[in-house]
Amino acid sequence: MKKLVALLLVGLVVLSATVVFAEDIKIGFLVKMPEELWFQNEWKYGQQAADKYGFELIKIGTPDGSKTLSAIDNLAAKGAQGFVICTPDVRLGPAIMAKAEQYGMKVFTVDDQFVGPDGNFMDVPYMGLSASAIGYNVGEELYKEFQNRGWDAAETGALGITFDELNTVKERTDGTIKALIDVGFPEANIFTSPEKTTDIPGAFDAASTALTQHADVKKWLVFSVNDEGILGSLRAMEDRGIAADDIIAIGIGAGTGLMEFKKEQKTGYFASSLINPYRHGFETAELLYKWIKDGEEPEKDIRTTGMIVTRENYMQVLKDLGLESVIE
């Protein structure tokens, strides 16, 4: 009997040594552009996961490679067992993983997928957008509204503000172009203009260049990699005196462009493919937590989609998704 009790006690000691308690778990959440609404919402929903499960979430902005690698050192010093990351440069993947392995950390990538030295995507858990499908849907909706308005293709141009350096956003604009061509919009009337930065100023400059080159175009379909690309384009068109009724612009985002719908006077911002940051924030943090705590390794490639919203239905859609706060 004494031997049985002793064995049970030893077993309990071993078990207690291997159990990871929620309050002992620390997870980093690193984002490349913390000033953008999308990443702020990822942090917000990641924090909701932390609150639900009782782990600590450490949020760090990492706009460049140096700050990214320094942040991993910082997380290690604080005892973090892993981190979710949207890297500022997909080519940093090998360096990030080397750091993580050095400290025994688990890594979950979000939004942008690591690229290895061979140019292929790395085998690291990832949650991203179904970028091509989202872009294609934008193209279909642009053409549908183009037809609804009875515009003449001969005097209409499609302007795409592109950023081909990043595969996940290149797929969006490539998808839109393919959709427009597939439905019969003249390929010769599709113009692209690369932006140096994926923000409003970068898009403004890119759109201004295109508008100068194609001053004969009277009506515009506008698409880009995100809402900021659309907003910059609209501001450039407004500066040129192009009327809102002569613009059909559809963004992609989590709420930035929806502020256009709150304006009393309509702008050229017709619709947005609303992408939900909830899964990218809450679910990535949740999956990483379960991986650390219970050893449940997440799927290697998870994709989310978008939903077209307009001035007429956006408030109801936001309410249904629990995202009303994004435009407060």
C-alpha atoms as a PDB file:
ATOM      1  CA  MET A   1       0.000   0.000   0.000  1.00  0.00           C
ATOM      2  CA  LYS A   2       2.809   2.391   0.911  1.00  0.00           C
ATOM      3  CA  LYS A   3       4.528   1.603  -2.389  1.00  0.00           C
ATOM      4  CA  LEU A   4       1.296   2.422  -4.298  1.00  0.00           C
ATOM      5  CA  VAL A   5       0.909   5.752  -2.499  1.00  0.00           C
ATOM      6  CA  ALA A   6       4.519   6.599  -3.222  1.00  0.00           C
ATOM      7  CA  LEU A   7       4.058   5.838  -6.911  1.00  0.00           C
ATOM      8  CA  LEU A   8       0.931   7.978  -7.044  1.00  0.00           C
ATOM      9  CA  LEU A   9       2.783  10.881  -5.408  1.00  0.00           C
ATOM     10  CA  VAL A  10       5.616  10.583  -7.897  1.00  0.00           C
ATOM     11  CA  GLY A  11       3.099  10.546 -10.724  1.00  0.00           C
ATOM     12  CA  LEU A  12       1.422  13.695  -9.444  1.00  0.00           C
ATOM     13  CA  VAL A  13       4.768  15.475  -9.174  1.00  0.00           C
ATOM     14  CA  VAL A  14       5.654  14.532 -12.763  1.00  0.00           C
ATOM     15  CA  LEU A  15       2.214  15.569 -14.016  1.00  0.00           C
ATOM     16  CA  SER A  16       2.347  18.927 -12.250  1.00  0.00           C
ATOM     17  CA  ALA A  17       5.743  19.572 -13.804  1.00  0.00           C
ATOM     18  CA  THR A  18       4.369  19.088 -17.323  1.00  0.00           C
ATOM     19  CA  VAL A  19       1.081  20.996 -16.995  1.00  0.00           C
ATOM     20  CA  VAL A  20       1.187  24.543 -18.354  1.00  0.00           C
ATOM     21  CA  PHE A  21      -1.248  26.811 -16.569  1.00  0.00           C
ATOM     22  CA  ALA A  22      -2.961  29.640 -18.477  1.00  0.00           C
ATOM     23  CA  GLU A  23      -1.704  32.310 -16.101  1.00  0.00           C
ATOM     24  CA  ASP A  24       1.877  31.214 -16.837  1.00  0.00           C
ATOM     25  CA  ILE A  25       1.479  31.652 -20.595  1.00  0.00           C
ATOM     26  CA  LYS A  26       2.708  34.826 -22.286  1.00  0.00           C
ATOM     27  CA  ILE A  27       2.154  35.412 -25.984  1.00  0.00           C
ATOM     28  CA  GLY A  28       3.480  38.224 -28.153  1.00  0.00           C
ATOM     29  CA  PHE A  29       1.449  39.867 -30.913  1.00  0.00           C
ATOM     30  CA  LEU A  30       3.736  41.733 -33.328  1.00  0.00           C
ATOM     31  CA  VAL A  31       2.306  43.910 -36.110  1.00  0.00           C
ATOM     32  CA  LYS A  32       4.079  45.904 -38.777  1.00  0.00           C
ATOM     33  CA  MET A  33       1.874  49.034 -38.824  1.00  0.00           C
ATOM     34  CA  PRO A  34       0.342  49.547 -35.350  1.00  0.00           C
ATOM     35  CA  GLU A  35      -1.136  52.902 -36.362  1.00  0.00           C
ATOM     36  CA  GLU A  36      -3.502  51.265 -38.882  1.00  0.00           C
ATOM     37  CA  LEU A  37      -7.060  50.348 -37.843  1.00  0.00           C
ATOM     38  CA  TRP A  38      -6.733  46.772 -39.082  1.00  0.00           C
ATOM     39  CA  PHE A  39      -3.821  46.018 -36.770  1.00  0.00           C
ATOM     40  CA  GLN A  40      -5.376  47.893 -33.857  1.00  0.00           C
ATOM     41  CA  ASN A  41      -8.411  45.641 -34.220  1.00  0.00           C
ATOM     42  CA  GLU A  42      -6.234  42.529 -34.429  1.00  0.00           C
ATOM     43  CA  TRP A  43      -4.711  43.573 -31.115  1.00  0.00           C
ATOM     44  CA  LYS A  44      -8.149  44.268 -29.645  1.00  0.00           C
ATOM     45  CA  TYR A  45      -9.506  40.847 -30.554  1.00  0.00           C
ATOM     46  CA  GLY A  46      -6.263  39.160 -29.558  1.00  0.00           C
ATOM     47  CA  GLN A  47      -6.708  40.755 -26.139  1.00  0.00           C
ATOM     48  CA  GLN A  48     -10.235  39.341 -25.984  1.00  0.00           C
ATOM     49  CA  ALA A  49      -8.738  35.865 -26.441  1.00  0.00           C
ATOM     50  CA  ALA A  50      -6.227  36.606 -23.675  1.00  0.00           C
ATOM     51  CA  ASP A  51      -9.028  37.756 -21.375  1.00  0.00           C
ATOM     52  CA  LYS A  52     -11.090  34.649 -22.141  1.00  0.00           C
ATOM     53  CA  TYR A  53      -8.313  32.128 -21.540  1.00  0.00           C
ATOM     54  CA  GLY A  54      -6.320  33.990 -18.893  1.00  0.00           C
ATOM     55  CA  PHE A  55      -2.958  34.354 -20.629  1.00  0.00           C
ATOM     56  CA  GLU A  56      -0.908  37.542 -21.021  1.00  0.00           C
ATOM     57  CA  LEU A  57      -0.776  39.206 -24.442  1.00  0.00           C
ATOM     58  CA  ILE A  58       2.243  41.412 -25.154  1.00  0.00           C
ATOM     59  CA  LYS A  59       1.578  43.822 -28.032  1.00  0.00           C
ATOM     60  CA  ILE A  60       4.557  45.288 -29.902  1.00  0.00           C
ATOM     61  CA  GLY A  61       4.742  47.370 -33.081  1.00  0.00           C
ATOM     62  CA  THR A  62       7.513  46.144 -35.391  1.00  0.00           C
ATOM     63  CA  PRO A  63       7.753  48.395 -38.486  1.00  0.00           C
ATOM     64  CA  ASP A  64      11.149  47.119 -39.654  1.00  0.00           C
ATOM     65  CA  GLY A  65      13.487  44.159 -39.421  1.00  0.00           C
ATOM     66  CA  SER A  66      15.659  45.507 -36.629  1.00  0.00           C
ATOM     67  CA  LYS A  67      12.678  46.237 -34.388  1.00  0.00           C
ATOM     68  CA  THR A  68      11.194  42.825 -35.186  1.00  0.00           C
ATOM     69  CA  LEU A  69      14.256  40.873 -34.083  1.00  0.00           C
ATOM     70  CA  SER A  70      14.675  43.130 -31.045  1.00  0.00           C
ATOM     71  CA  ALA A  71      11.022  42.513 -30.118  1.00  0.00           C
ATOM     72  CA  ILE A  72      11.623  38.740 -30.127  1.00  0.00           C
ATOM     73  CA  ASP A  73      14.547  39.249 -27.724  1.00  0.00           C
ATOM     74  CA  ASN A  74      12.246  41.380 -25.587  1.00  0.00           C
ATOM     75  CA  LEU A  75       9.563  38.690 -25.560  1.00  0.00           C
ATOM     76  CA  ALA A  76      12.107  36.061 -24.557  1.00  0.00           C
ATOM     77  CA  ALA A  77      13.276  38.258 -21.668  1.00  0.00           C
ATOM     78  CA  LYS A  78       9.662  38.472 -20.483  1.00  0.00           C
ATOM     79  CA  GLY A  79       9.213  34.710 -20.631  1.00  0.00           C
ATOM     80  CA  ALA A  80       6.910  34.501 -23.659  1.00  0.00           C
ATOM     81  CA  GLN A  81       6.437  31.029 -25.106  1.00  0.00           C
ATOM     82  CA  GLY A  82       5.446  32.193 -28.577  1.00  0.00           C
ATOM     83  CA  PHE A  83       4.116  35.010 -30.744  1.00  0.00           C
ATOM     84  CA  VAL A  84       1.697  35.907 -33.519  1.00  0.00           C
ATOM     85  CA  ILE A  85       3.343  38.102 -36.148  1.00  0.00           C
ATOM     86  CA  CYS A  86       2.559  40.150 -39.225  1.00  0.00           C
ATOM     87  CA  THR A  87       6.099  40.692 -40.456  1.00  0.00           C
ATOM     88  CA  PRO A  88       7.197  44.014 -42.006  1.00  0.00           C
ATOM     89  CA  ASP A  89       9.093  42.030 -44.649  1.00  0.00           C
ATOM     90  CA  VAL A  90       8.176  38.481 -45.660  1.00  0.00           C
ATOM     91  CA  ARG A  91      11.847  37.793 -46.428  1.00  0.00           C
ATOM     92  CA  LEU A  92      12.612  38.105 -42.717  1.00  0.00           C
ATOM     93  CA  GLY A  93      11.003  34.700 -42.231  1.00  0.00           C
ATOM     94  CA  PRO A  94      14.238  32.685 -41.854  1.00  0.00           C
ATOM     95  CA  ALA A  95      15.753  35.197 -39.422  1.00  0.00           C
ATOM     96  CA  ILE A  96      12.551  35.343 -37.370  1.00  0.00           C
ATOM     97  CA  MET A  97      12.277  31.556 -37.183  1.00  0.00           C
ATOM     98  CA  ALA A  98      15.953  31.235 -36.222  1.00  0.00           C
ATOM     99  CA  LYS A  99      15.372  33.649 -33.331  1.00  0.00           C
ATOM    100  CA  ALA A 100      12.211  31.848 -32.289  1.00  0.00           C
ATOM    101  CA  GLU A 101      13.931  28.454 -32.328  1.00  0.00           C
ATOM    102  CA  GLN A 102      16.819  29.883 -30.316  1.00  0.00           C
ATOM    103  CA  TYR A 103      14.354  30.751 -27.550  1.00  0.00           C
ATOM    104  CA  GLY A 104      12.096  27.717 -28.000  1.00  0.00           C
ATOM    105  CA  MET A 105       9.134  29.871 -29.094  1.00  0.00           C
ATOM    106  CA  LYS A 106       6.187  28.839 -31.233  1.00  0.00           C
ATOM    107  CA  VAL A 107       5.262  31.131 -34.142  1.00  0.00           C
ATOM    108  CA  PHE A 108       1.935  31.815 -35.854  1.00  0.00           C
ATOM    109  CA  THR A 109       2.048  34.134 -38.881  1.00  0.00           C
ATOM    110  CA  VAL A 110      -0.890  36.343 -39.811  1.00  0.00           C
ATOM    111  CA  ASP A 111      -1.730  38.429 -42.903  1.00  0.00           C
ATOM    112  CA  ASP A 112       1.702  38.109 -44.572  1.00  0.00           C
ATOM    113  CA  GLN A 113       3.320  34.714 -45.148  1.00  0.00           C
ATOM    114  CA  PHE A 114       7.041  34.077 -44.545  1.00  0.00           C
ATOM    115  CA  VAL A 115       9.154  33.509 -47.656  1.00  0.00           C
ATOM    116  CA  GLY A 116      12.269  31.349 -47.483  1.00  0.00           C
ATOM    117  CA  PRO A 117      15.623  31.930 -49.211  1.00  0.00           C
ATOM    118  CA  ASP A 118      14.422  29.770 -52.113  1.00  0.00           C
ATOM    119  CA  GLY A 119      11.507  32.141 -52.742  1.00  0.00           C
ATOM    120  CA  ASN A 120       8.906  29.638 -51.566  1.00  0.00           C
ATOM    121  CA  PHE A 121       6.517  30.065 -48.650  1.00  0.00           C
ATOM    122  CA  MET A 122       7.810  28.648 -45.394  1.00  0.00           C
ATOM    123  CA  ASP A 123       6.111  25.807 -43.543  1.00  0.00           C
ATOM    124  CA  VAL A 124       4.863  27.925 -40.626  1.00  0.00           C
ATOM    125  CA  PRO A 125       1.229  28.125 -39.395  1.00  0.00           C
ATOM    126  CA  TYR A 126      -0.479  30.991 -41.227  1.00  0.00           C
ATOM    127  CA  MET A 127      -3.814  32.785 -41.348  1.00  0.00           C
ATOM    128  CA  GLY A 128      -4.344  35.058 -44.332  1.00  0.00           C
ATOM    129  CA  LEU A 129      -6.935  36.316 -46.751  1.00  0.00           C
ATOM    130  CA  SER A 130      -8.243  34.467 -49.770  1.00  0.00           C
ATOM    131  CA  ALA A 131      -6.693  37.366 -51.621  1.00  0.00           C
ATOM    132  CA  SER A 132      -7.363  36.327 -55.221  1.00  0.00           C
ATOM    133  CA  ALA A 133     -11.013  35.528 -54.482  1.00  0.00           C
ATOM    134  CA  ILE A 134     -11.509  38.845 -52.676  1.00  0.00           C
ATOM    135  CA  GLY A 135      -9.942  40.761 -55.553  1.00  0.00           C
ATOM    136  CA  TYR A 136     -11.987  38.870 -58.119  1.00  0.00           C
ATOM    137  CA  ASN A 137     -15.188  39.681 -56.244  1.00  0.00           C
ATOM    138  CA  VAL A 138     -14.229  43.380 -56.242  1.00  0.00           C
ATOM    139  CA  GLY A 139     -13.835  43.252 -60.036  1.00  0.00           C
ATOM    140  CA  GLU A 140     -17.229  41.606 -60.470  1.00  0.00           C
ATOM    141  CA  GLU A 141     -18.925  44.221 -58.291  1.00  0.00           C
ATOM    142  CA  LEU A 142     -17.194  47.095 -60.112  1.00  0.00           C
ATOM    143  CA  TYR A 143     -18.456  45.798 -63.445  1.00  0.00           C
ATOM    144  CA  LYS A 144     -21.960  45.196 -62.090  1.00  0.00           C
ATOM    145  CA  GLU A 145     -22.272  48.817 -60.945  1.00  0.00           C
ATOM    146  CA  PHE A 146     -20.646  50.011 -64.194  1.00  0.00           C
ATOM    147  CA  GLN A 147     -23.481  48.267 -66.061  1.00  0.00           C
ATOM    148  CA  ASN A 148     -26.125  49.525 -63.637  1.00  0.00           C
ATOM    149  CA  ARG A 149     -25.105  53.097 -64.418  1.00  0.00           C
ATOM    150  CA  GLY A 150     -25.117  52.485 -68.156  1.00  0.00           C
ATOM    151  CA  TRP A 151     -21.620  53.876 -68.648  1.00  0.00           C
ATOM    152  CA  ASP A 152     -19.901  53.759 -72.028  1.00  0.00           C
ATOM    153  CA  ALA A 153     -16.771  51.575 -71.904  1.00  0.00           C
ATOM    154  CA  ALA A 154     -15.103  53.821 -74.472  1.00  0.00           C
ATOM    155  CA  GLU A 155     -14.924  56.712 -72.011  1.00  0.00           C
ATOM    156  CA  THR A 156     -14.338  54.657 -68.861  1.00  0.00           C
ATOM    157  CA  GLY A 157     -11.031  53.607 -67.347  1.00  0.00           C
ATOM    158  CA  ALA A 158     -10.260  51.186 -64.534  1.00  0.00           C
ATOM    159  CA  LEU A 159      -7.495  52.391 -62.224  1.00  0.00           C
ATOM    160  CA  GLY A 160      -5.670  49.935 -59.993  1.00  0.00           C
ATOM    161  CA  ILE A 161      -3.301  51.208 -57.319  1.00  0.00           C
ATOM    162  CA  THR A 162      -0.882  48.313 -56.899  1.00  0.00           C
ATOM    163  CA  PHE A 163       1.861  47.139 -54.549  1.00  0.00           C
ATOM    164  CA  ASP A 164       3.370  44.082 -56.208  1.00  0.00           C
ATOM    165  CA  GLU A 165       6.231  43.698 -53.720  1.00  0.00           C
ATOM    166  CA  LEU A 166       3.896  41.843 -51.361  1.00  0.00           C
ATOM    167  CA  ASN A 167       2.325  38.684 -52.771  1.00  0.00           C
ATOM    168  CA  THR A 168      -0.829  38.714 -50.628  1.00  0.00           C
ATOM    169  CA  VAL A 169      -1.822  42.182 -51.873  1.00  0.00           C
ATOM    170  CA  LYS A 170      -0.641  41.607 -55.444  1.00  0.00           C
ATOM    171  CA  GLU A 171      -3.112  38.724 -55.569  1.00  0.00           C
ATOM    172  CA  ARG A 172      -5.940  41.156 -54.737  1.00  0.00           C
ATOM    173  CA  THR A 173      -5.300  43.548 -57.619  1.00  0.00           C
ATOM    174  CA  ASP A 174      -4.432  40.699 -60.001  1.00  0.00           C
ATOM    175  CA  GLY A 175      -7.772  39.113 -59.065  1.00  0.00           C
ATOM    176  CA  THR A 176      -9.672  42.315 -59.808  1.00  0.00           C
ATOM    177  CA  ILE A 177      -7.982  42.721 -63.194  1.00  0.00           C
ATOM    178  CA  LYS A 178      -8.774  39.121 -64.108  1.00  0.00           C
ATOM    179  CA  ALA A 179     -12.430  39.565 -63.151  1.00  0.00           C
ATOM    180  CA  LEU A 180     -12.789  42.729 -65.230  1.00  0.00           C
ATOM    181  CA  ILE A 181     -11.272  41.025 -68.259  1.00  0.00           C
ATOM    182  CA  ASP A 182     -13.384  37.888 -67.730  1.00  0.00           C
ATOM    183  CA  VAL A 183     -16.650  39.846 -67.679  1.00  0.00           C
ATOM    184  CA  GLY A 184     -15.737  41.747 -70.825  1.00  0.00           C
ATOM    185  CA  PHE A 185     -14.330  45.099 -69.712  1.00  0.00           C
ATOM    186  CA  PRO A 186     -11.763  46.313 -72.291  1.00  0.00           C
ATOM    187  CA  GLU A 187      -8.289  45.250 -71.156  1.00  0.00           C
ATOM    188  CA  ALA A 188      -6.803  48.286 -72.906  1.00  0.00           C
ATOM    189  CA  ASN A 189      -8.799  50.513 -70.528  1.00  0.00           C
ATOM    190  CA  ILE A 190      -7.311  48.947 -67.374  1.00  0.00           C
ATOM    191  CA  PHE A 191      -4.449  51.016 -65.978  1.00  0.00           C
ATOM    192  CA  THR A 192      -2.245  50.253 -62.985  1.00  0.00           C
ATOM    193  CA  SER A 193      -0.055  52.617 -61.002  1.00  0.00           C
ATOM    194  CA  PRO A 194       2.340  51.325 -58.328  1.00  0.00           C
ATOM    195  CA  GLU A 195       2.418  53.007 -54.942  1.00  0.00           C
ATOM    196  CA  LYS A 196       5.587  53.303 -52.865  1.00  0.00           C
ATOM    197  CA  THR A 197       3.728  52.928 -49.572  1.00  0.00           C
ATOM    198  CA  THR A 198       0.389  51.223 -48.891  1.00  0.00           C
ATOM    199  CA  ASP A 199      -1.174  54.260 -47.240  1.00  0.00           C
ATOM    200  CA  ILE A 200      -3.244  57.266 -48.323  1.00  0.00           C
ATOM    201  CA  PRO A 201      -0.279  59.507 -49.303  1.00  0.00           C
ATOM    202  CA  GLY A 202       1.291  56.679 -51.311  1.00  0.00           C
ATOM    203  CA  ALA A 203      -1.965  56.065 -53.166  1.00  0.00           C
ATOM    204  CA  PHE A 204      -2.536  59.780 -53.743  1.00  0.00           C
ATOM    205  CA  ASP A 205       0.834  60.062 -55.506  1.00  0.00           C
ATOM    206  CA  ALA A 206       0.277  56.905 -57.570  1.00  0.00           C
ATOM    207  CA  ALA A 207      -3.219  57.987 -58.629  1.00  0.00           C
ATOM    208  CA  SER A 208      -2.059  61.505 -59.508  1.00  0.00           C
ATOM    209  CA  THR A 209       0.529  60.048 -61.878  1.00  0.00           C
ATOM    210  CA  ALA A 210      -2.079  57.859 -63.586  1.00  0.00           C
ATOM    211  CA  LEU A 211      -4.608  60.676 -63.895  1.00  0.00           C
ATOM    212  CA  THR A 212      -2.021  62.847 -65.625  1.00  0.00           C
ATOM    213  CA  GLN A 213      -1.212  60.039 -68.048  1.00  0.00           C
ATOM    214  CA  HIS A 214      -4.879  59.375 -68.852  1.00  0.00           C
ATOM    215  CA  ALA A 215      -6.477  62.803 -68.722  1.00  0.00           C
ATOM    216  CA  ASP A 216      -8.915  61.859 -71.501  1.00  0.00           C
ATOM    217  CA  VAL A 217     -10.758  59.317 -69.339  1.00  0.00           C
ATOM    218  CA  LYS A 218     -14.114  60.696 -68.163  1.00  0.00           C
ATOM    219  CA  LYS A 219     -15.315  58.012 -65.756  1.00  0.00           C
ATOM    220  CA  TRP A 220     -13.368  55.747 -63.441  1.00  0.00           C
ATOM    221  CA  LEU A 221     -13.590  52.339 -61.813  1.00  0.00           C
ATOM    222  CA  VAL A 222     -11.096  52.300 -58.934  1.00  0.00           C
ATOM    223  CA  PHE A 223      -9.539  49.386 -57.048  1.00  0.00           C
ATOM    224  CA  SER A 224      -6.499  48.867 -54.881  1.00  0.00           C
ATOM    225  CA  VAL A 225      -4.842  46.617 -52.320  1.00  0.00           C
ATOM    226  CA  ASN A 226      -6.713  48.192 -49.381  1.00  0.00           C
ATOM    227  CA  ASP A 227      -9.066  50.977 -48.315  1.00  0.00           C
ATOM    228  CA  GLU A 228      -6.183  53.418 -47.977  1.00  0.00           C
ATOM    229  CA  GLY A 229      -5.378  52.916 -51.657  1.00  0.00           C
ATOM    230  CA  ILE A 230      -8.937  53.870 -52.540  1.00  0.00           C
ATOM    231  CA  LEU A 231      -9.051  56.886 -50.237  1.00  0.00           C
ATOM    232  CA  GLY A 232      -5.797  58.264 -51.634  1.00  0.00           C
ATOM    233  CA  SER A 233      -7.116  57.797 -55.170  1.00  0.00           C
ATOM    234  CA  LEU A 234     -10.395  59.557 -54.345  1.00  0.00           C
ATOM    235  CA  ARG A 235      -8.577  62.532 -52.869  1.00  0.00           C
ATOM    236  CA  ALA A 236      -6.436  62.761 -56.018  1.00  0.00           C
ATOM    237  CA  MET A 237      -9.537  62.635 -58.233  1.00  0.00           C
ATOM    238  CA  GLU A 238     -11.308  65.251 -56.155  1.00  0.00           C
ATOM    239  CA  ASP A 239      -8.283  67.502 -56.595  1.00  0.00           C
ATOM    240  CA  ARG A 240      -8.682  67.073 -60.356  1.00  0.00           C
ATOM    241  CA  GLY A 241     -12.358  68.053 -60.183  1.00  0.00           C
ATOM    242  CA  ILE A 242     -13.673  64.603 -61.088  1.00  0.00           C
ATOM    243  CA  ALA A 243     -17.251  64.340 -59.835  1.00  0.00           C
ATOM    244  CA  ALA A 244     -18.240  61.652 -57.341  1.00  0.00           C
ATOM    245  CA  ASP A 245     -20.922  60.420 -59.762  1.00  0.00           C
ATOM    246  CA  ASP A 246     -18.172  59.655 -62.286  1.00  0.00           C
ATOM    247  CA  ILE A 247     -16.319  57.328 -59.890  1.00  0.00           C
ATOM    248  CA  ILE A 248     -17.063  53.779 -58.770  1.00  0.00           C
ATOM    249  CA  ALA A 249     -14.486  52.826 -56.156  1.00  0.00           C
ATOM    250  CA  ILE A 250     -14.453  49.615 -54.119  1.00  0.00           C
ATOM    251  CA  GLY A 251     -12.010  49.182 -51.278  1.00  0.00           C
ATOM    252  CA  ILE A 252     -10.774  46.242 -49.241  1.00  0.00           C
ATOM    253  CA  GLY A 253     -10.462  46.659 -45.516  1.00  0.00           C
ATOM    254  CA  ALA A 254     -11.756  46.427 -41.982  1.00  0.00           C
ATOM    255  CA  GLY A 255     -13.404  49.812 -41.618  1.00  0.00           C
ATOM    256  CA  THR A 256     -11.124  52.686 -42.661  1.00  0.00           C
ATOM    257  CA  GLY A 257     -12.991  53.351 -45.899  1.00  0.00           C
ATOM    258  CA  LEU A 258     -16.408  52.990 -44.288  1.00  0.00           C
ATOM    259  CA  MET A 259     -15.956  56.452 -42.802  1.00  0.00           C
ATOM    260  CA  GLU A 260     -16.821  57.701 -46.312  1.00  0.00           C
ATOM    261  CA  PHE A 261     -20.340  56.347 -45.813  1.00  0.00           C
ATOM    262  CA  LYS A 262     -20.793  58.562 -42.758  1.00  0.00           C
ATOM    263  CA  LYS A 263     -20.343  61.690 -44.861  1.00  0.00           C
ATOM    264  CA  GLU A 264     -23.591  63.453 -45.683  1.00  0.00           C
ATOM    265  CA  GLN A 265     -22.525  64.039 -49.268  1.00  0.00           C
ATOM    266  CA  LYS A 266     -21.728  60.901 -51.253  1.00  0.00           C
ATOM    267  CA  THR A 267     -18.182  60.398 -52.518  1.00  0.00           C
ATOM    268  CA  GLY A 268     -16.895  58.017 -55.175  1.00  0.00           C
ATOM    269  CA  TYR A 269     -16.472  55.342 -52.498  1.00  0.00           C
ATOM    270  CA  PHE A 270     -19.190  52.942 -53.637  1.00  0.00           C
ATOM    271  CA  ALA A 271     -18.456  49.797 -51.622  1.00  0.00           C
ATOM    272  CA  SER A 272     -15.890  47.831 -49.665  1.00  0.00           C
ATOM    273  CA  SER A 273     -14.958  44.192 -49.366  1.00  0.00           C
ATOM    274  CA  LEU A 274     -15.144  44.063 -45.583  1.00  0.00           C
ATOM    275  CA  ILE A 275     -12.530  41.762 -44.083  1.00  0.00           C
ATOM    276  CA  ASN A 276     -13.119  40.740 -40.505  1.00  0.00           C
ATOM    277  CA  PRO A 277     -10.160  41.304 -38.162  1.00  0.00           C
ATOM    278  CA  TYR A 278     -11.816  39.203 -35.441  1.00  0.00           C
ATOM    279  CA  ARG A 279     -10.501  35.885 -36.719  1.00  0.00           C
ATOM    280  CA  HIS A 280      -7.065  37.330 -37.486  1.00  0.00           C
ATOM    281  CA  GLY A 281      -6.792  38.668 -33.928  1.00  0.00           C
ATOM    282  CA  PHE A 282      -8.832  36.390 -31.660  1.00  0.00           C
ATOM    283  CA  GLU A 283      -8.411  33.090 -33.468  1.00  0.00           C
ATOM    284  CA  THR A 284      -4.673  33.350 -34.107  1.00  0.00           C
ATOM    285  CA  ALA A 285      -4.049  34.162 -30.435  1.00  0.00           C
ATOM    286  CA  GLU A 286      -6.430  31.388 -29.381  1.00  0.00           C
ATOM    287  CA  LEU A 287      -4.811  28.789 -31.640  1.00  0.00           C
ATOM    288  CA  LEU A 288      -1.315  29.732 -30.486  1.00  0.00           C
ATOM    289  CA  TYR A 289      -2.428  29.549 -26.850  1.00  0.00           C
ATOM    290  CA  LYS A 290      -3.838  26.033 -27.335  1.00  0.00           C
ATOM    291  CA  TRP A 291      -0.663  25.005 -29.158  1.00  0.00           C
ATOM    292  CA  ILE A 292       1.451  26.160 -26.215  1.00  0.00           C
ATOM    293  CA  LYS A 293      -0.846  24.862 -23.480  1.00  0.00           C
ATOM    294  CA  ASP A 294      -2.160  21.621 -24.935  1.00  0.00           C
ATOM    295  CA  GLY A 295       0.216  20.821 -27.783  1.00  0.00           C
ATOM    296  CA  GLU A 296      -2.554  21.243 -30.392  1.00  0.00           C
ATOM    297  CA  GLU A 297      -0.634  22.359 -33.494  1.00  0.00           C
ATOM    298  CA  PRO A 298      -2.831  24.575 -35.726  1.00  0.00           C
ATOM    299  CA  GLU A 299      -3.500  24.107 -39.418  1.00  0.00           C
ATOM    300  CA  LYS A 300      -0.666  25.334 -41.603  1.00  0.00           C
ATOM    301  CA  ASP A 301      -2.799  27.467 -43.960  1.00  0.00           C
ATOM    302  CA  ILE A 302      -6.086  29.115 -42.941  1.00  0.00           C
ATOM    303  CA  ARG A 303      -7.823  31.579 -45.289  1.00  0.00           C
ATOM    304  CA  THR A 304     -10.589  34.090 -44.603  1.00  0.00           C
ATOM    305  CA  THR A 305     -12.839  35.929 -47.058  1.00  0.00           C
ATOM    306  CA  GLY A 306     -14.484  39.330 -47.504  1.00  0.00           C
ATOM    307  CA  MET A 307     -18.071  40.599 -47.717  1.00  0.00           C
ATOM    308  CA  ILE A 308     -19.188  43.418 -50.015  1.00  0.00           C
ATOM    309  CA  VAL A 309     -20.864  46.235 -48.075  1.00  0.00           C
ATOM    310  CA  THR A 310     -22.371  49.485 -49.365  1.00  0.00           C
ATOM    311  CA  ARG A 311     -23.649  52.733 -47.920  1.00  0.00           C
ATOM    312  CA  GLU A 312     -27.064  51.108 -47.590  1.00  0.00           C
ATOM    313  CA  ASN A 313     -26.132  47.986 -45.622  1.00  0.00           C
ATOM    314  CA  TYR A 314     -22.793  48.560 -43.900  1.00  0.00           C
ATOM    315  CA  MET A 315     -24.170  49.416 -40.454  1.00  0.00           C
ATOM    316  CA  GLN A 316     -26.265  46.250 -40.295  1.00  0.00           C
ATOM    317  CA  VAL A 317     -23.340  44.104 -41.461  1.00  0.00           C
ATOM    318  CA  LEU A 318     -21.047  45.627 -38.851  1.00  0.00           C
ATOM    319  CA  LYS A 319     -23.669  44.997 -36.193  1.00  0.00           C
ATOM    320  CA  ASP A 320     -24.092  41.381 -37.296  1.00  0.00           C
ATOM    321  CA  LEU A 321     -20.311  40.870 -37.082  1.00  0.00           C
ATOM    322  CA  GLY A 322     -19.975  42.701 -33.762  1.00  0.00           C
ATOM    323  CA  LEU A 323     -17.743  45.333 -35.377  1.00  0.00           C
ATOM    324  CA  GLU A 324     -19.731  48.502 -34.725  1.00  0.00           C
ATOM    325  CA  SER A 325     -16.803  49.988 -32.823  1.00  0.00           C
ATOM    326  CA  VAL A 326     -14.611  50.191 -35.943  1.00  0.00           C
ATOM    327  CA  ILE A 327     -16.359  53.382 -37.116  1.00  0.00           C
ATOM    328  CA  GLU A 328     -17.230  55.000 -33.784  1.00  0.00           C
END
